[in-house]
Amino acid sequence: MQSFITLPEIESAINFWRQRSPSVGEELRLCQEASSLATPYALMIIERKSQLEISKMSEKAQLALQTWRDAAAAQHK
């Protein structure tokens, strides 16, 4: 696994989870996986970072990211 994630990559991962598990309720709440990735995504934007060290992300966000990467790799086979 790579040690960093870029802003476009984390955005793609969030979109993957939004397509896989659409927002629910009147408030259009994100699924847990997309939500776990939304926090580091927002911090990257606020702090104007182009990449983030994956080890600094929560375990849930790391798992959501790895699942997205595995699905993307499977599509390219």
PDB file of N, CA and C in Angstrom:
ATOM      1  N   MET A   1       0.842  -1.188   0.000  1.00  0.00           N
ATOM      2  CA  MET A   1       0.000   0.000   0.000  1.00  0.00           C
ATOM      3  C   MET A   1       0.876   1.236   0.000  1.00  0.00           C
ATOM      4  N   GLN A   2       0.464   2.236  -0.785  1.00  0.00           N
ATOM      5  CA  GLN A   2       1.202   3.479  -0.821  1.00  0.00           C
ATOM      6  C   GLN A   2       1.118   4.154   0.541  1.00  0.00           C
ATOM      7  N   SER A   3       2.099   5.012   0.834  1.00  0.00           N
ATOM      8  CA  SER A   3       2.099   5.671   2.138  1.00  0.00           C
ATOM      9  C   SER A   3       1.373   7.016   2.122  1.00  0.00           C
ATOM     10  N   PHE A   4       1.055   7.543   0.931  1.00  0.00           N
ATOM     11  CA  PHE A   4       0.358   8.822   0.817  1.00  0.00           C
ATOM     12  C   PHE A   4      -0.847   8.681  -0.115  1.00  0.00           C
ATOM     13  N   ILE A   5      -1.812   9.570   0.079  1.00  0.00           N
ATOM     14  CA  ILE A   5      -2.951   9.658  -0.829  1.00  0.00           C
ATOM     15  C   ILE A   5      -3.071  11.108  -1.290  1.00  0.00           C
ATOM     16  N   THR A   6      -3.430  11.291  -2.540  1.00  0.00           N
ATOM     17  CA  THR A   6      -3.595  12.634  -3.076  1.00  0.00           C
ATOM     18  C   THR A   6      -5.050  13.075  -2.943  1.00  0.00           C
ATOM     19  N   LEU A   7      -5.275  14.362  -3.095  1.00  0.00           N
ATOM     20  CA  LEU A   7      -6.625  14.903  -3.012  1.00  0.00           C
ATOM     21  C   LEU A   7      -7.552  14.294  -4.070  1.00  0.00           C
ATOM     22  N   PRO A   8      -7.122  14.200  -5.346  1.00  0.00           N
ATOM     23  CA  PRO A   8      -8.000  13.560  -6.336  1.00  0.00           C
ATOM     24  C   PRO A   8      -8.302  12.086  -6.018  1.00  0.00           C
ATOM     25  N   GLU A   9      -7.334  11.385  -5.440  1.00  0.00           N
ATOM     26  CA  GLU A   9      -7.566   9.979  -5.088  1.00  0.00           C
ATOM     27  C   GLU A   9      -8.608   9.850  -3.988  1.00  0.00           C
ATOM     28  N   ILE A  10      -8.490  10.677  -2.956  1.00  0.00           N
ATOM     29  CA  ILE A  10      -9.457  10.571  -1.860  1.00  0.00           C
ATOM     30  C   ILE A  10     -10.848  10.988  -2.331  1.00  0.00           C
ATOM     31  N   GLU A  11     -10.900  11.947  -3.243  1.00  0.00           N
ATOM     32  CA  GLU A  11     -12.187  12.336  -3.825  1.00  0.00           C
ATOM     33  C   GLU A  11     -12.793  11.178  -4.616  1.00  0.00           C
ATOM     34  N   SER A  12     -11.983  10.474  -5.372  1.00  0.00           N
ATOM     35  CA  SER A  12     -12.461   9.305  -6.128  1.00  0.00           C
ATOM     36  C   SER A  12     -12.949   8.208  -5.191  1.00  0.00           C
ATOM     37  N   ALA A  13     -12.237   8.010  -4.098  1.00  0.00           N
ATOM     38  CA  ALA A  13     -12.643   6.992  -3.121  1.00  0.00           C
ATOM     39  C   ALA A  13     -13.989   7.357  -2.497  1.00  0.00           C
ATOM     40  N   ILE A  14     -14.180   8.621  -2.164  1.00  0.00           N
ATOM     41  CA  ILE A  14     -15.465   9.063  -1.607  1.00  0.00           C
ATOM     42  C   ILE A  14     -16.578   8.829  -2.622  1.00  0.00           C
ATOM     43  N   ASN A  15     -16.334   9.187  -3.876  1.00  0.00           N
ATOM     44  CA  ASN A  15     -17.350   8.996  -4.918  1.00  0.00           C
ATOM     45  C   ASN A  15     -17.666   7.522  -5.140  1.00  0.00           C
ATOM     46  N   PHE A  16     -16.653   6.661  -5.049  1.00  0.00           N
ATOM     47  CA  PHE A  16     -16.860   5.215  -5.142  1.00  0.00           C
ATOM     48  C   PHE A  16     -17.852   4.769  -4.069  1.00  0.00           C
ATOM     49  N   TRP A  17     -17.627   5.201  -2.827  1.00  0.00           N
ATOM     50  CA  TRP A  17     -18.500   4.799  -1.733  1.00  0.00           C
ATOM     51  C   TRP A  17     -19.876   5.425  -1.853  1.00  0.00           C
ATOM     52  N   ARG A  18     -19.965   6.644  -2.373  1.00  0.00           N
ATOM     53  CA  ARG A  18     -21.270   7.290  -2.563  1.00  0.00           C
ATOM     54  C   ARG A  18     -22.091   6.550  -3.616  1.00  0.00           C
ATOM     55  N   GLN A  19     -21.421   6.030  -4.642  1.00  0.00           N
ATOM     56  CA  GLN A  19     -22.132   5.251  -5.664  1.00  0.00           C
ATOM     57  C   GLN A  19     -22.529   3.885  -5.131  1.00  0.00           C
ATOM     58  N   ARG A  20     -21.660   3.300  -4.350  1.00  0.00           N
ATOM     59  CA  ARG A  20     -21.903   1.958  -3.816  1.00  0.00           C
ATOM     60  C   ARG A  20     -22.980   1.975  -2.728  1.00  0.00           C
ATOM     61  N   SER A  21     -22.986   3.038  -1.942  1.00  0.00           N
ATOM     62  CA  SER A  21     -23.934   3.154  -0.838  1.00  0.00           C
ATOM     63  C   SER A  21     -24.414   4.605  -0.771  1.00  0.00           C
ATOM     64  N   PRO A  22     -25.442   4.936  -1.551  1.00  0.00           N
ATOM     65  CA  PRO A  22     -25.907   6.331  -1.647  1.00  0.00           C
ATOM     66  C   PRO A  22     -26.315   6.933  -0.296  1.00  0.00           C
ATOM     67  N   SER A  23     -26.293   8.257  -0.246  1.00  0.00           N
ATOM     68  CA  SER A  23     -26.693   9.001   0.951  1.00  0.00           C
ATOM     69  C   SER A  23     -28.124   8.648   1.319  1.00  0.00           C
ATOM     70  N   VAL A  24     -28.421   8.709   2.629  1.00  0.00           N
ATOM     71  CA  VAL A  24     -29.747   8.331   3.116  1.00  0.00           C
ATOM     72  C   VAL A  24     -30.325   9.402   4.033  1.00  0.00           C
ATOM     73  N   GLY A  25     -31.620   9.341   4.191  1.00  0.00           N
ATOM     74  CA  GLY A  25     -32.320  10.234   5.104  1.00  0.00           C
ATOM     75  C   GLY A  25     -32.521  11.623   4.520  1.00  0.00           C
ATOM     76  N   GLU A  26     -33.324  12.410   5.221  1.00  0.00           N
ATOM     77  CA  GLU A  26     -33.573  13.777   4.779  1.00  0.00           C
ATOM     78  C   GLU A  26     -32.294  14.594   4.732  1.00  0.00           C
ATOM     79  N   GLU A  27     -31.380  14.300   5.639  1.00  0.00           N
ATOM     80  CA  GLU A  27     -30.125  15.049   5.707  1.00  0.00           C
ATOM     81  C   GLU A  27     -29.089  14.543   4.700  1.00  0.00           C
ATOM     82  N   LEU A  28     -29.459  13.510   3.936  1.00  0.00           N
ATOM     83  CA  LEU A  28     -28.553  12.895   2.945  1.00  0.00           C
ATOM     84  C   LEU A  28     -27.221  12.502   3.572  1.00  0.00           C
ATOM     85  N   ARG A  29     -27.312  11.767   4.652  1.00  0.00           N
ATOM     86  CA  ARG A  29     -26.158  11.298   5.412  1.00  0.00           C
ATOM     87  C   ARG A  29     -25.305  10.336   4.584  1.00  0.00           C
ATOM     88  N   LEU A  30     -24.001  10.557   4.601  1.00  0.00           N
ATOM     89  CA  LEU A  30     -23.065   9.677   3.895  1.00  0.00           C
ATOM     90  C   LEU A  30     -22.977   8.328   4.596  1.00  0.00           C
ATOM     91  N   CYS A  31     -22.648   7.293   3.844  1.00  0.00           N
ATOM     92  CA  CYS A  31     -22.375   5.990   4.453  1.00  0.00           C
ATOM     93  C   CYS A  31     -21.123   6.127   5.331  1.00  0.00           C
ATOM     94  N   GLN A  32     -20.911   5.165   6.197  1.00  0.00           N
ATOM     95  CA  GLN A  32     -19.787   5.234   7.138  1.00  0.00           C
ATOM     96  C   GLN A  32     -18.435   5.343   6.435  1.00  0.00           C
ATOM     97  N   GLU A  33     -18.280   4.618   5.343  1.00  0.00           N
ATOM     98  CA  GLU A  33     -16.997   4.620   4.634  1.00  0.00           C
ATOM     99  C   GLU A  33     -16.714   5.994   4.017  1.00  0.00           C
ATOM    100  N   ALA A  34     -17.702   6.546   3.325  1.00  0.00           N
ATOM    101  CA  ALA A  34     -17.525   7.878   2.722  1.00  0.00           C
ATOM    102  C   ALA A  34     -17.321   8.926   3.808  1.00  0.00           C
ATOM    103  N   SER A  35     -18.061   8.796   4.884  1.00  0.00           N
ATOM    104  CA  SER A  35     -17.931   9.736   5.991  1.00  0.00           C
ATOM    105  C   SER A  35     -16.533   9.683   6.607  1.00  0.00           C
ATOM    106  N   SER A  36     -15.982   8.490   6.729  1.00  0.00           N
ATOM    107  CA  SER A  36     -14.643   8.354   7.318  1.00  0.00           C
ATOM    108  C   SER A  36     -13.571   8.995   6.434  1.00  0.00           C
ATOM    109  N   LEU A  37     -13.826   9.038   5.125  1.00  0.00           N
ATOM    110  CA  LEU A  37     -12.886   9.665   4.194  1.00  0.00           C
ATOM    111  C   LEU A  37     -13.129  11.167   4.064  1.00  0.00           C
ATOM    112  N   ALA A  38     -14.332  11.624   4.402  1.00  0.00           N
ATOM    113  CA  ALA A  38     -14.669  13.040   4.253  1.00  0.00           C
ATOM    114  C   ALA A  38     -13.863  13.928   5.195  1.00  0.00           C
ATOM    115  N   THR A  39     -13.565  13.458   6.388  1.00  0.00           N
ATOM    116  CA  THR A  39     -12.816  14.270   7.346  1.00  0.00           C
ATOM    117  C   THR A  39     -11.395  14.550   6.862  1.00  0.00           C
ATOM    118  N   PRO A  40     -10.611  13.526   6.490  1.00  0.00           N
ATOM    119  CA  PRO A  40      -9.276  13.843   5.979  1.00  0.00           C
ATOM    120  C   PRO A  40      -9.327  14.656   4.681  1.00  0.00           C
ATOM    121  N   TYR A  41     -10.349  14.435   3.865  1.00  0.00           N
ATOM    122  CA  TYR A  41     -10.522  15.205   2.632  1.00  0.00           C
ATOM    123  C   TYR A  41     -10.706  16.686   2.966  1.00  0.00           C
ATOM    124  N   ALA A  42     -11.583  16.974   3.910  1.00  0.00           N
ATOM    125  CA  ALA A  42     -11.826  18.363   4.312  1.00  0.00           C
ATOM    126  C   ALA A  42     -10.563  18.985   4.902  1.00  0.00           C
ATOM    127  N   LEU A  43      -9.850  18.245   5.728  1.00  0.00           N
ATOM    128  CA  LEU A  43      -8.611  18.771   6.313  1.00  0.00           C
ATOM    129  C   LEU A  43      -7.571  19.081   5.246  1.00  0.00           C
ATOM    130  N   MET A  44      -7.493  18.228   4.235  1.00  0.00           N
ATOM    131  CA  MET A  44      -6.554  18.483   3.147  1.00  0.00           C
ATOM    132  C   MET A  44      -6.894  19.792   2.446  1.00  0.00           C
ATOM    133  N   ILE A  45      -8.167  20.031   2.230  1.00  0.00           N
ATOM    134  CA  ILE A  45      -8.594  21.271   1.569  1.00  0.00           C
ATOM    135  C   ILE A  45      -8.300  22.472   2.458  1.00  0.00           C
ATOM    136  N   ILE A  46      -8.689  22.399   3.715  1.00  0.00           N
ATOM    137  CA  ILE A  46      -8.489  23.513   4.644  1.00  0.00           C
ATOM    138  C   ILE A  46      -7.004  23.829   4.807  1.00  0.00           C
ATOM    139  N   GLU A  47      -6.182  22.784   4.924  1.00  0.00           N
ATOM    140  CA  GLU A  47      -4.738  22.971   5.136  1.00  0.00           C
ATOM    141  C   GLU A  47      -3.970  23.120   3.829  1.00  0.00           C
ATOM    142  N   ARG A  48      -4.699  23.098   2.712  1.00  0.00           N
ATOM    143  CA  ARG A  48      -4.106  23.252   1.374  1.00  0.00           C
ATOM    144  C   ARG A  48      -2.992  22.235   1.112  1.00  0.00           C
ATOM    145  N   LYS A  49      -3.280  20.995   1.464  1.00  0.00           N
ATOM    146  CA  LYS A  49      -2.329  19.905   1.243  1.00  0.00           C
ATOM    147  C   LYS A  49      -2.715  19.155  -0.026  1.00  0.00           C
ATOM    148  N   SER A  50      -1.716  18.778  -0.787  1.00  0.00           N
ATOM    149  CA  SER A  50      -1.983  18.020  -2.009  1.00  0.00           C
ATOM    150  C   SER A  50      -1.940  16.518  -1.755  1.00  0.00           C
ATOM    151  N   GLN A  51      -1.375  16.117  -0.622  1.00  0.00           N
ATOM    152  CA  GLN A  51      -1.345  14.703  -0.260  1.00  0.00           C
ATOM    153  C   GLN A  51      -1.357  14.568   1.256  1.00  0.00           C
ATOM    154  N   LEU A  52      -1.717  13.378   1.705  1.00  0.00           N
ATOM    155  CA  LEU A  52      -1.821  13.094   3.134  1.00  0.00           C
ATOM    156  C   LEU A  52      -1.204  11.731   3.413  1.00  0.00           C
ATOM    157  N   GLU A  53      -0.508  11.633   4.518  1.00  0.00           N
ATOM    158  CA  GLU A  53       0.060  10.354   4.928  1.00  0.00           C
ATOM    159  C   GLU A  53      -1.081   9.436   5.388  1.00  0.00           C
ATOM    160  N   ILE A  54      -1.192   8.293   4.770  1.00  0.00           N
ATOM    161  CA  ILE A  54      -2.304   7.375   5.045  1.00  0.00           C
ATOM    162  C   ILE A  54      -2.313   6.922   6.504  1.00  0.00           C
ATOM    163  N   SER A  55      -1.156   6.754   7.087  1.00  0.00           N
ATOM    164  CA  SER A  55      -1.088   6.304   8.484  1.00  0.00           C
ATOM    165  C   SER A  55      -1.710   7.310   9.450  1.00  0.00           C
ATOM    166  N   LYS A  56      -1.918   8.535   9.017  1.00  0.00           N
ATOM    167  CA  LYS A  56      -2.539   9.566   9.860  1.00  0.00           C
ATOM    168  C   LYS A  56      -4.067   9.481   9.813  1.00  0.00           C
ATOM    169  N   MET A  57      -4.595   8.654   8.910  1.00  0.00           N
ATOM    170  CA  MET A  57      -6.038   8.484   8.782  1.00  0.00           C
ATOM    171  C   MET A  57      -6.531   7.437   9.780  1.00  0.00           C
ATOM    172  N   SER A  58      -7.818   7.511  10.131  1.00  0.00           N
ATOM    173  CA  SER A  58      -8.394   6.511  11.034  1.00  0.00           C
ATOM    174  C   SER A  58      -8.344   5.125  10.380  1.00  0.00           C
ATOM    175  N   GLU A  59      -8.460   4.098  11.203  1.00  0.00           N
ATOM    176  CA  GLU A  59      -8.467   2.729  10.673  1.00  0.00           C
ATOM    177  C   GLU A  59      -9.637   2.523   9.715  1.00  0.00           C
ATOM    178  N   LYS A  60     -10.798   3.082  10.050  1.00  0.00           N
ATOM    179  CA  LYS A  60     -11.974   2.953   9.200  1.00  0.00           C
ATOM    180  C   LYS A  60     -11.725   3.605   7.841  1.00  0.00           C
ATOM    181  N   ALA A  61     -11.092   4.786   7.836  1.00  0.00           N
ATOM    182  CA  ALA A  61     -10.779   5.476   6.584  1.00  0.00           C
ATOM    183  C   ALA A  61      -9.747   4.680   5.782  1.00  0.00           C
ATOM    184  N   GLN A  62      -8.771   4.105   6.452  1.00  0.00           N
ATOM    185  CA  GLN A  62      -7.764   3.299   5.765  1.00  0.00           C
ATOM    186  C   GLN A  62      -8.397   2.070   5.119  1.00  0.00           C
ATOM    187  N   LEU A  63      -9.323   1.445   5.816  1.00  0.00           N
ATOM    188  CA  LEU A  63     -10.009   0.272   5.263  1.00  0.00           C
ATOM    189  C   LEU A  63     -10.874   0.665   4.069  1.00  0.00           C
ATOM    190  N   ALA A  64     -11.593   1.786   4.181  1.00  0.00           N
ATOM    191  CA  ALA A  64     -12.419   2.273   3.063  1.00  0.00           C
ATOM    192  C   ALA A  64     -11.538   2.583   1.856  1.00  0.00           C
ATOM    193  N   LEU A  65     -10.390   3.176   2.106  1.00  0.00           N
ATOM    194  CA  LEU A  65      -9.450   3.505   1.035  1.00  0.00           C
ATOM    195  C   LEU A  65      -8.919   2.243   0.367  1.00  0.00           C
ATOM    196  N   GLN A  66      -8.546   1.249   1.159  1.00  0.00           N
ATOM    197  CA  GLN A  66      -8.006   0.006   0.605  1.00  0.00           C
ATOM    198  C   GLN A  66      -9.062  -0.746  -0.200  1.00  0.00           C
ATOM    199  N   THR A  67     -10.296  -0.741   0.276  1.00  0.00           N
ATOM    200  CA  THR A  67     -11.377  -1.390  -0.464  1.00  0.00           C
ATOM    201  C   THR A  67     -11.578  -0.721  -1.814  1.00  0.00           C
ATOM    202  N   TRP A  68     -11.543   0.623  -1.830  1.00  0.00           N
ATOM    203  CA  TRP A  68     -11.643   1.370  -3.096  1.00  0.00           C
ATOM    204  C   TRP A  68     -10.494   1.005  -4.025  1.00  0.00           C
ATOM    205  N   ARG A  69      -9.271   0.971  -3.508  1.00  0.00           N
ATOM    206  CA  ARG A  69      -8.115   0.632  -4.332  1.00  0.00           C
ATOM    207  C   ARG A  69      -8.218  -0.786  -4.889  1.00  0.00           C
ATOM    208  N   ASP A  70      -8.667  -1.712  -4.060  1.00  0.00           N
ATOM    209  CA  ASP A  70      -8.823  -3.096  -4.513  1.00  0.00           C
ATOM    210  C   ASP A  70      -9.875  -3.180  -5.636  1.00  0.00           C
ATOM    211  N   ALA A  71     -10.977  -2.444  -5.485  1.00  0.00           N
ATOM    212  CA  ALA A  71     -12.026  -2.450  -6.508  1.00  0.00           C
ATOM    213  C   ALA A  71     -11.513  -1.816  -7.795  1.00  0.00           C
ATOM    214  N   ALA A  72     -10.749  -0.741  -7.695  1.00  0.00           N
ATOM    215  CA  ALA A  72     -10.199  -0.076  -8.869  1.00  0.00           C
ATOM    216  C   ALA A  72      -9.203  -1.002  -9.584  1.00  0.00           C
ATOM    217  N   ALA A  73      -8.393  -1.706  -8.822  1.00  0.00           N
ATOM    218  CA  ALA A  73      -7.419  -2.634  -9.405  1.00  0.00           C
ATOM    219  C   ALA A  73      -8.128  -3.779 -10.122  1.00  0.00           C
ATOM    220  N   ALA A  74      -9.211  -4.266  -9.534  1.00  0.00           N
ATOM    221  CA  ALA A  74      -9.965  -5.374 -10.139  1.00  0.00           C
ATOM    222  C   ALA A  74     -10.607  -4.939 -11.470  1.00  0.00           C
ATOM    223  N   GLN A  75     -11.005  -3.679 -11.559  1.00  0.00           N
ATOM    224  CA  GLN A  75     -11.612  -3.170 -12.797  1.00  0.00           C
ATOM    225  C   GLN A  75     -10.595  -3.100 -13.929  1.00  0.00           C
ATOM    226  N   HIS A  76      -9.335  -2.908 -13.601  1.00  0.00           N
ATOM    227  CA  HIS A  76      -8.300  -2.730 -14.607  1.00  0.00           C
ATOM    228  C   HIS A  76      -7.667  -4.047 -15.049  1.00  0.00           C
ATOM    229  N   LYS A  77      -8.163  -5.154 -14.519  1.00  0.00           N
ATOM    230  CA  LYS A  77      -7.601  -6.460 -14.903  1.00  0.00           C
ATOM    231  C   LYS A  77      -8.242  -6.968 -16.151  1.00  0.00           C
TER     232      LYS A  77
END
